[in-house]
């Protein structure tokens, strides 16, 4: 496991974690969760094709957690802007 997909997924994971950790606002944090979802899906693919089931299983759970983050930061009704304002 040392191909270009693994490098893309690794760099994407570090970038996503940085977007969330630097706490530069809700929008940036939301994009961090989106990027985490994308790289989790990529890690799942890598895990399944490389016969690394623990990697695939862990990233499936992380995908669910990060999808919840996307919902909380972008889609939850409490965070939507009021169209009447």
PDB file of N, CA and C in Angstrom:
ATOM      1  N   UNK A   1       0.829  -1.184   0.000  1.00  0.00           N
ATOM      2  CA  UNK A   1       0.000   0.000   0.000  1.00  0.00           C
ATOM      3  C   UNK A   1       0.874   1.249   0.000  1.00  0.00           C
ATOM      4  N   UNK A   2       1.354   1.610  -1.138  1.00  0.00           N
ATOM      5  CA  UNK A   2       2.167   2.810  -1.232  1.00  0.00           C
ATOM      6  C   UNK A   2       1.990   3.459  -2.599  1.00  0.00           C
ATOM      7  N   UNK A   3       0.764   3.422  -3.102  1.00  0.00           N
ATOM      8  CA  UNK A   3       0.498   3.984  -4.417  1.00  0.00           C
ATOM      9  C   UNK A   3      -0.040   5.400  -4.331  1.00  0.00           C
ATOM     10  N   UNK A   4      -0.373   5.973  -5.474  1.00  0.00           N
ATOM     11  CA  UNK A   4      -0.852   7.354  -5.499  1.00  0.00           C
ATOM     12  C   UNK A   4      -2.181   7.557  -4.753  1.00  0.00           C
ATOM     13  N   UNK A   5      -3.076   6.564  -4.777  1.00  0.00           N
ATOM     14  CA  UNK A   5      -4.344   6.720  -4.052  1.00  0.00           C
ATOM     15  C   UNK A   5      -4.111   6.850  -2.552  1.00  0.00           C
ATOM     16  N   UNK A   6      -3.176   6.073  -2.030  1.00  0.00           N
ATOM     17  CA  UNK A   6      -2.873   6.155  -0.607  1.00  0.00           C
ATOM     18  C   UNK A   6      -2.301   7.511  -0.237  1.00  0.00           C
ATOM     19  N   UNK A   7      -1.454   8.058  -1.122  1.00  0.00           N
ATOM     20  CA  UNK A   7      -0.894   9.385  -0.859  1.00  0.00           C
ATOM     21  C   UNK A   7      -1.974  10.463  -0.917  1.00  0.00           C
ATOM     22  N   UNK A   8      -2.856  10.364  -1.887  1.00  0.00           N
ATOM     23  CA  UNK A   8      -3.953  11.337  -1.992  1.00  0.00           C
ATOM     24  C   UNK A   8      -4.834  11.262  -0.750  1.00  0.00           C
ATOM     25  N   UNK A   9      -5.179  10.052  -0.333  1.00  0.00           N
ATOM     26  CA  UNK A   9      -6.015   9.876   0.848  1.00  0.00           C
ATOM     27  C   UNK A   9      -5.307  10.382   2.104  1.00  0.00           C
ATOM     28  N   UNK A  10      -4.024  10.140   2.221  1.00  0.00           N
ATOM     29  CA  UNK A  10      -3.265  10.590   3.390  1.00  0.00           C
ATOM     30  C   UNK A  10      -3.199  12.110   3.462  1.00  0.00           C
ATOM     31  N   UNK A  11      -2.873  12.731   2.348  1.00  0.00           N
ATOM     32  CA  UNK A  11      -2.784  14.193   2.318  1.00  0.00           C
ATOM     33  C   UNK A  11      -4.162  14.808   2.555  1.00  0.00           C
ATOM     34  N   UNK A  12      -5.187  14.224   1.955  1.00  0.00           N
ATOM     35  CA  UNK A  12      -6.550  14.709   2.174  1.00  0.00           C
ATOM     36  C   UNK A  12      -6.981  14.592   3.623  1.00  0.00           C
ATOM     37  N   UNK A  13      -6.573  13.521   4.286  1.00  0.00           N
ATOM     38  CA  UNK A  13      -6.907  13.337   5.695  1.00  0.00           C
ATOM     39  C   UNK A  13      -6.244  14.401   6.559  1.00  0.00           C
ATOM     40  N   UNK A  14      -4.980  14.680   6.305  1.00  0.00           N
ATOM     41  CA  UNK A  14      -4.270  15.706   7.058  1.00  0.00           C
ATOM     42  C   UNK A  14      -4.882  17.079   6.802  1.00  0.00           C
ATOM     43  N   UNK A  15      -5.226  17.361   5.560  1.00  0.00           N
ATOM     44  CA  UNK A  15      -5.840  18.645   5.224  1.00  0.00           C
ATOM     45  C   UNK A  15      -7.205  18.794   5.904  1.00  0.00           C
ATOM     46  N   UNK A  16      -8.011  17.747   5.877  1.00  0.00           N
ATOM     47  CA  UNK A  16      -9.329  17.788   6.519  1.00  0.00           C
ATOM     48  C   UNK A  16      -9.195  18.015   8.022  1.00  0.00           C
ATOM     49  N   UNK A  17      -8.272  17.298   8.650  1.00  0.00           N
ATOM     50  CA  UNK A  17      -8.058  17.481  10.089  1.00  0.00           C
ATOM     51  C   UNK A  17      -7.597  18.902  10.390  1.00  0.00           C
ATOM     52  N   UNK A  18      -6.770  19.462   9.523  1.00  0.00           N
ATOM     53  CA  UNK A  18      -6.294  20.832   9.715  1.00  0.00           C
ATOM     54  C   UNK A  18      -7.434  21.839   9.599  1.00  0.00           C
ATOM     55  N   UNK A  19      -8.312  21.648   8.619  1.00  0.00           N
ATOM     56  CA  UNK A  19      -9.440  22.560   8.451  1.00  0.00           C
ATOM     57  C   UNK A  19     -10.320  22.587   9.692  1.00  0.00           C
ATOM     58  N   UNK A  20     -10.484  21.441  10.320  1.00  0.00           N
ATOM     59  CA  UNK A  20     -11.314  21.378  11.520  1.00  0.00           C
ATOM     60  C   UNK A  20     -10.544  21.900  12.736  1.00  0.00           C
ATOM     61  N   UNK A  21      -9.295  21.529  12.879  1.00  0.00           N
ATOM     62  CA  UNK A  21      -8.520  21.890  14.061  1.00  0.00           C
ATOM     63  C   UNK A  21      -8.216  23.386  14.135  1.00  0.00           C
ATOM     64  N   UNK A  22      -8.016  24.039  13.000  1.00  0.00           N
ATOM     65  CA  UNK A  22      -7.678  25.467  13.020  1.00  0.00           C
ATOM     66  C   UNK A  22      -8.873  26.346  13.383  1.00  0.00           C
ATOM     67  N   UNK A  23     -10.081  25.775  13.369  1.00  0.00           N
ATOM     68  CA  UNK A  23     -11.287  26.474  13.804  1.00  0.00           C
ATOM     69  C   UNK A  23     -11.393  27.875  13.182  1.00  0.00           C
ATOM     70  N   UNK A  24     -11.415  27.908  11.855  1.00  0.00           N
ATOM     71  CA  UNK A  24     -11.482  29.171  11.127  1.00  0.00           C
ATOM     72  C   UNK A  24     -12.915  29.565  10.782  1.00  0.00           C
ATOM     73  N   UNK A  25     -13.864  28.977  11.448  1.00  0.00           N
ATOM     74  CA  UNK A  25     -15.264  29.313  11.225  1.00  0.00           C
ATOM     75  C   UNK A  25     -16.073  28.093  10.820  1.00  0.00           C
ATOM     76  N   UNK A  26     -17.393  28.250  10.908  1.00  0.00           N
ATOM     77  CA  UNK A  26     -18.303  27.142  10.628  1.00  0.00           C
ATOM     78  C   UNK A  26     -18.183  26.651   9.189  1.00  0.00           C
ATOM     79  N   UNK A  27     -18.063  27.561   8.258  1.00  0.00           N
ATOM     80  CA  UNK A  27     -17.998  27.157   6.844  1.00  0.00           C
ATOM     81  C   UNK A  27     -16.751  26.310   6.576  1.00  0.00           C
ATOM     82  N   UNK A  28     -15.612  26.749   7.080  1.00  0.00           N
ATOM     83  CA  UNK A  28     -14.371  26.010   6.881  1.00  0.00           C
ATOM     84  C   UNK A  28     -14.429  24.648   7.568  1.00  0.00           C
ATOM     85  N   UNK A  29     -14.966  24.623   8.781  1.00  0.00           N
ATOM     86  CA  UNK A  29     -15.112  23.354   9.486  1.00  0.00           C
ATOM     87  C   UNK A  29     -16.039  22.417   8.721  1.00  0.00           C
ATOM     88  N   UNK A  30     -17.122  22.954   8.170  1.00  0.00           N
ATOM     89  CA  UNK A  30     -18.026  22.151   7.349  1.00  0.00           C
ATOM     90  C   UNK A  30     -17.309  21.542   6.149  1.00  0.00           C
ATOM     91  N   UNK A  31     -16.461  22.336   5.492  1.00  0.00           N
ATOM     92  CA  UNK A  31     -15.684  21.809   4.362  1.00  0.00           C
ATOM     93  C   UNK A  31     -14.699  20.741   4.826  1.00  0.00           C
ATOM     94  N   UNK A  32     -14.175  20.890   6.037  1.00  0.00           N
ATOM     95  CA  UNK A  32     -13.302  19.859   6.590  1.00  0.00           C
ATOM     96  C   UNK A  32     -14.029  18.532   6.732  1.00  0.00           C
ATOM     97  N   UNK A  33     -15.281  18.586   7.208  1.00  0.00           N
ATOM     98  CA  UNK A  33     -16.066  17.361   7.329  1.00  0.00           C
ATOM     99  C   UNK A  33     -16.386  16.766   5.953  1.00  0.00           C
ATOM    100  N   UNK A  34     -16.650  17.607   4.970  1.00  0.00           N
ATOM    101  CA  UNK A  34     -16.898  17.108   3.606  1.00  0.00           C
ATOM    102  C   UNK A  34     -15.653  16.398   3.077  1.00  0.00           C
ATOM    103  N   UNK A  35     -14.502  17.029   3.272  1.00  0.00           N
ATOM    104  CA  UNK A  35     -13.257  16.415   2.806  1.00  0.00           C
ATOM    105  C   UNK A  35     -12.995  15.106   3.545  1.00  0.00           C
ATOM    106  N   UNK A  36     -13.264  15.066   4.849  1.00  0.00           N
ATOM    107  CA  UNK A  36     -13.131  13.813   5.595  1.00  0.00           C
ATOM    108  C   UNK A  36     -14.027  12.722   5.002  1.00  0.00           C
ATOM    109  N   UNK A  37     -15.239  13.076   4.596  1.00  0.00           N
ATOM    110  CA  UNK A  37     -16.134  12.085   3.988  1.00  0.00           C
ATOM    111  C   UNK A  37     -15.548  11.543   2.688  1.00  0.00           C
ATOM    112  N   UNK A  38     -15.005  12.429   1.879  1.00  0.00           N
ATOM    113  CA  UNK A  38     -14.417  12.012   0.599  1.00  0.00           C
ATOM    114  C   UNK A  38     -13.235  11.080   0.822  1.00  0.00           C
ATOM    115  N   UNK A  39     -12.322  11.469   1.714  1.00  0.00           N
ATOM    116  CA  UNK A  39     -11.141  10.623   1.924  1.00  0.00           C
ATOM    117  C   UNK A  39     -11.503   9.331   2.669  1.00  0.00           C
ATOM    118  N   UNK A  40     -12.533   9.357   3.506  1.00  0.00           N
ATOM    119  CA  UNK A  40     -12.980   8.114   4.147  1.00  0.00           C
ATOM    120  C   UNK A  40     -13.482   7.132   3.096  1.00  0.00           C
ATOM    121  N   UNK A  41     -14.244   7.645   2.124  1.00  0.00           N
ATOM    122  CA  UNK A  41     -14.721   6.787   1.039  1.00  0.00           C
ATOM    123  C   UNK A  41     -13.536   6.238   0.241  1.00  0.00           C
ATOM    124  N   UNK A  42     -12.530   7.064   0.023  1.00  0.00           N
ATOM    125  CA  UNK A  42     -11.333   6.600  -0.687  1.00  0.00           C
ATOM    126  C   UNK A  42     -10.592   5.536   0.126  1.00  0.00           C
ATOM    127  N   UNK A  43     -10.477   5.738   1.440  1.00  0.00           N
ATOM    128  CA  UNK A  43      -9.837   4.734   2.293  1.00  0.00           C
ATOM    129  C   UNK A  43     -10.629   3.432   2.310  1.00  0.00           C
ATOM    130  N   UNK A  44     -11.943   3.519   2.265  1.00  0.00           N
ATOM    131  CA  UNK A  44     -12.764   2.305   2.200  1.00  0.00           C
ATOM    132  C   UNK A  44     -12.442   1.535   0.928  1.00  0.00           C
ATOM    133  N   UNK A  45     -12.396   2.242  -0.190  1.00  0.00           N
ATOM    134  CA  UNK A  45     -12.055   1.610  -1.465  1.00  0.00           C
ATOM    135  C   UNK A  45     -10.669   0.957  -1.396  1.00  0.00           C
ATOM    136  N   UNK A  46      -9.710   1.691  -0.852  1.00  0.00           N
ATOM    137  CA  UNK A  46      -8.347   1.148  -0.733  1.00  0.00           C
ATOM    138  C   UNK A  46      -8.351  -0.093   0.151  1.00  0.00           C
ATOM    139  N   UNK A  47      -9.035  -0.020   1.272  1.00  0.00           N
ATOM    140  CA  UNK A  47      -9.087  -1.155   2.190  1.00  0.00           C
ATOM    141  C   UNK A  47      -9.711  -2.385   1.562  1.00  0.00           C
ATOM    142  N   UNK A  48     -10.770  -2.184   0.791  1.00  0.00           N
ATOM    143  CA  UNK A  48     -11.439  -3.322   0.151  1.00  0.00           C
ATOM    144  C   UNK A  48     -10.593  -3.920  -0.967  1.00  0.00           C
ATOM    145  N   UNK A  49      -9.936  -3.084  -1.746  1.00  0.00           N
ATOM    146  CA  UNK A  49      -9.140  -3.591  -2.868  1.00  0.00           C
ATOM    147  C   UNK A  49      -7.797  -4.152  -2.426  1.00  0.00           C
ATOM    148  N   UNK A  50      -7.290  -3.710  -1.285  1.00  0.00           N
ATOM    149  CA  UNK A  50      -5.997  -4.188  -0.792  1.00  0.00           C
ATOM    150  C   UNK A  50      -6.158  -5.268   0.278  1.00  0.00           C
ATOM    151  N   UNK A  51      -7.375  -5.758   0.460  1.00  0.00           N
ATOM    152  CA  UNK A  51      -7.674  -6.784   1.461  1.00  0.00           C
ATOM    153  C   UNK A  51      -7.249  -6.346   2.864  1.00  0.00           C
ATOM    154  N   UNK A  52      -7.547  -5.087   3.169  1.00  0.00           N
ATOM    155  CA  UNK A  52      -7.264  -4.522   4.488  1.00  0.00           C
ATOM    156  C   UNK A  52      -8.602  -4.167   5.136  1.00  0.00           C
ATOM    157  N   UNK A  53      -9.304  -5.195   5.577  1.00  0.00           N
ATOM    158  CA  UNK A  53     -10.657  -5.002   6.122  1.00  0.00           C
ATOM    159  C   UNK A  53     -10.701  -4.111   7.365  1.00  0.00           C
ATOM    160  N   UNK A  54      -9.730  -4.168   8.273  1.00  0.00           N
ATOM    161  CA  UNK A  54      -9.784  -3.240   9.414  1.00  0.00           C
ATOM    162  C   UNK A  54      -9.755  -1.772   8.973  1.00  0.00           C
ATOM    163  N   UNK A  55      -8.963  -1.476   7.949  1.00  0.00           N
ATOM    164  CA  UNK A  55      -8.903  -0.119   7.422  1.00  0.00           C
ATOM    165  C   UNK A  55     -10.250   0.286   6.820  1.00  0.00           C
ATOM    166  N   UNK A  56     -10.854  -0.598   6.059  1.00  0.00           N
ATOM    167  CA  UNK A  56     -12.149  -0.321   5.445  1.00  0.00           C
ATOM    168  C   UNK A  56     -13.232  -0.155   6.509  1.00  0.00           C
ATOM    169  N   UNK A  57     -13.235  -1.035   7.512  1.00  0.00           N
ATOM    170  CA  UNK A  57     -14.257  -0.964   8.558  1.00  0.00           C
ATOM    171  C   UNK A  57     -14.126   0.312   9.377  1.00  0.00           C
ATOM    172  N   UNK A  58     -12.903   0.667   9.756  1.00  0.00           N
ATOM    173  CA  UNK A  58     -12.685   1.884  10.526  1.00  0.00           C
ATOM    174  C   UNK A  58     -13.156   3.106   9.746  1.00  0.00           C
ATOM    175  N   UNK A  59     -12.835   3.161   8.466  1.00  0.00           N
ATOM    176  CA  UNK A  59     -13.213   4.324   7.673  1.00  0.00           C
ATOM    177  C   UNK A  59     -14.695   4.346   7.340  1.00  0.00           C
ATOM    178  N   UNK A  60     -15.352   3.199   7.345  1.00  0.00           N
ATOM    179  CA  UNK A  60     -16.801   3.195   7.201  1.00  0.00           C
ATOM    180  C   UNK A  60     -17.430   3.893   8.402  1.00  0.00           C
ATOM    181  N   UNK A  61     -16.951   3.575   9.588  1.00  0.00           N
ATOM    182  CA  UNK A  61     -17.468   4.238  10.791  1.00  0.00           C
ATOM    183  C   UNK A  61     -17.108   5.723  10.801  1.00  0.00           C
ATOM    184  N   UNK A  62     -15.893   6.051  10.384  1.00  0.00           N
ATOM    185  CA  UNK A  62     -15.499   7.455  10.303  1.00  0.00           C
ATOM    186  C   UNK A  62     -16.335   8.216   9.268  1.00  0.00           C
ATOM    187  N   UNK A  63     -16.693   7.542   8.190  1.00  0.00           N
ATOM    188  CA  UNK A  63     -17.555   8.163   7.185  1.00  0.00           C
ATOM    189  C   UNK A  63     -18.907   8.528   7.802  1.00  0.00           C
ATOM    190  N   UNK A  64     -19.464   7.623   8.589  1.00  0.00           N
ATOM    191  CA  UNK A  64     -20.740   7.909   9.256  1.00  0.00           C
ATOM    192  C   UNK A  64     -20.607   9.079  10.231  1.00  0.00           C
ATOM    193  N   UNK A  65     -19.526   9.088  11.004  1.00  0.00           N
ATOM    194  CA  UNK A  65     -19.297  10.174  11.963  1.00  0.00           C
ATOM    195  C   UNK A  65     -19.129  11.502  11.241  1.00  0.00           C
ATOM    196  N   UNK A  66     -18.353  11.513  10.173  1.00  0.00           N
ATOM    197  CA  UNK A  66     -18.114  12.761   9.449  1.00  0.00           C
ATOM    198  C   UNK A  66     -19.338  13.216   8.662  1.00  0.00           C
ATOM    199  N   UNK A  67     -20.148  12.271   8.195  1.00  0.00           N
ATOM    200  CA  UNK A  67     -21.411  12.648   7.552  1.00  0.00           C
ATOM    201  C   UNK A  67     -22.319  13.333   8.570  1.00  0.00           C
ATOM    202  N   UNK A  68     -22.299  12.857   9.814  1.00  0.00           N
ATOM    203  CA  UNK A  68     -23.046  13.516  10.882  1.00  0.00           C
ATOM    204  C   UNK A  68     -22.507  14.942  11.093  1.00  0.00           C
ATOM    205  N   UNK A  69     -21.187  15.108  11.006  1.00  0.00           N
ATOM    206  CA  UNK A  69     -20.590  16.445  11.107  1.00  0.00           C
ATOM    207  C   UNK A  69     -21.060  17.363   9.988  1.00  0.00           C
ATOM    208  N   UNK A  70     -21.132  16.848   8.768  1.00  0.00           N
ATOM    209  CA  UNK A  70     -21.649  17.641   7.645  1.00  0.00           C
ATOM    210  C   UNK A  70     -23.082  18.065   7.936  1.00  0.00           C
ATOM    211  N   UNK A  71     -23.888  17.131   8.406  1.00  0.00           N
ATOM    212  CA  UNK A  71     -25.282  17.454   8.727  1.00  0.00           C
ATOM    213  C   UNK A  71     -25.337  18.530   9.811  1.00  0.00           C
ATOM    214  N   UNK A  72     -24.555  18.369  10.860  1.00  0.00           N
ATOM    215  CA  UNK A  72     -24.595  19.318  11.968  1.00  0.00           C
ATOM    216  C   UNK A  72     -24.141  20.720  11.543  1.00  0.00           C
ATOM    217  N   UNK A  73     -23.116  20.801  10.709  1.00  0.00           N
ATOM    218  CA  UNK A  73     -22.570  22.103  10.343  1.00  0.00           C
ATOM    219  C   UNK A  73     -23.299  22.774   9.194  1.00  0.00           C
ATOM    220  N   UNK A  74     -23.898  22.005   8.288  1.00  0.00           N
ATOM    221  CA  UNK A  74     -24.494  22.618   7.102  1.00  0.00           C
ATOM    222  C   UNK A  74     -25.988  22.382   6.956  1.00  0.00           C
ATOM    223  N   UNK A  75     -26.502  21.265   7.388  1.00  0.00           N
ATOM    224  CA  UNK A  75     -27.875  20.898   7.037  1.00  0.00           C
ATOM    225  C   UNK A  75     -28.866  20.964   8.187  1.00  0.00           C
ATOM    226  N   UNK A  76     -28.398  20.952   9.405  1.00  0.00           N
ATOM    227  CA  UNK A  76     -29.303  20.958  10.553  1.00  0.00           C
ATOM    228  C   UNK A  76     -30.119  22.255  10.553  1.00  0.00           C
ATOM    229  N   UNK A  77     -31.430  22.153  10.782  1.00  0.00           N
ATOM    230  CA  UNK A  77     -32.294  23.346  10.738  1.00  0.00           C
ATOM    231  C   UNK A  77     -31.838  24.485  11.652  1.00  0.00           C
ATOM    232  N   UNK A  78     -31.234  24.196  12.782  1.00  0.00           N
ATOM    233  CA  UNK A  78     -30.802  25.266  13.679  1.00  0.00           C
ATOM    234  C   UNK A  78     -29.674  26.117  13.082  1.00  0.00           C
ATOM    235  N   UNK A  79     -28.990  25.583  12.075  1.00  0.00           N
ATOM    236  CA  UNK A  79     -27.864  26.308  11.486  1.00  0.00           C
ATOM    237  C   UNK A  79     -28.193  26.950  10.140  1.00  0.00           C
ATOM    238  N   UNK A  80     -29.415  26.763   9.667  1.00  0.00           N
ATOM    239  CA  UNK A  80     -29.806  27.393   8.412  1.00  0.00           C
ATOM    240  C   UNK A  80     -30.145  28.855   8.663  1.00  0.00           C
ATOM    241  N   UNK A  81     -29.826  29.673   7.689  1.00  0.00           N
ATOM    242  CA  UNK A  81     -30.162  31.092   7.820  1.00  0.00           C
ATOM    243  C   UNK A  81     -31.654  31.284   7.636  1.00  0.00           C
ATOM    244  N   UNK A  82     -32.174  32.198   8.374  1.00  0.00           N
ATOM    245  CA  UNK A  82     -33.599  32.508   8.282  1.00  0.00           C
ATOM    246  C   UNK A  82     -33.858  33.279   6.992  1.00  0.00           C
ATOM    247  N   UNK A  83     -34.655  32.724   6.053  1.00  0.00           N
ATOM    248  CA  UNK A  83     -34.897  33.418   4.777  1.00  0.00           C
ATOM    249  C   UNK A  83     -35.714  34.690   4.943  1.00  0.00           C
ATOM    250  N   UNK A  84     -36.364  34.895   6.082  1.00  0.00           N
ATOM    251  CA  UNK A  84     -37.168  36.094   6.318  1.00  0.00           C
ATOM    252  C   UNK A  84     -36.324  37.300   6.681  1.00  0.00           C
ATOM    253  N   UNK A  85     -35.074  37.091   7.023  1.00  0.00           N
ATOM    254  CA  UNK A  85     -34.197  38.216   7.410  1.00  0.00           C
ATOM    255  C   UNK A  85     -33.584  38.873   6.229  1.00  0.00           C
TER     256      UNK A  85
END
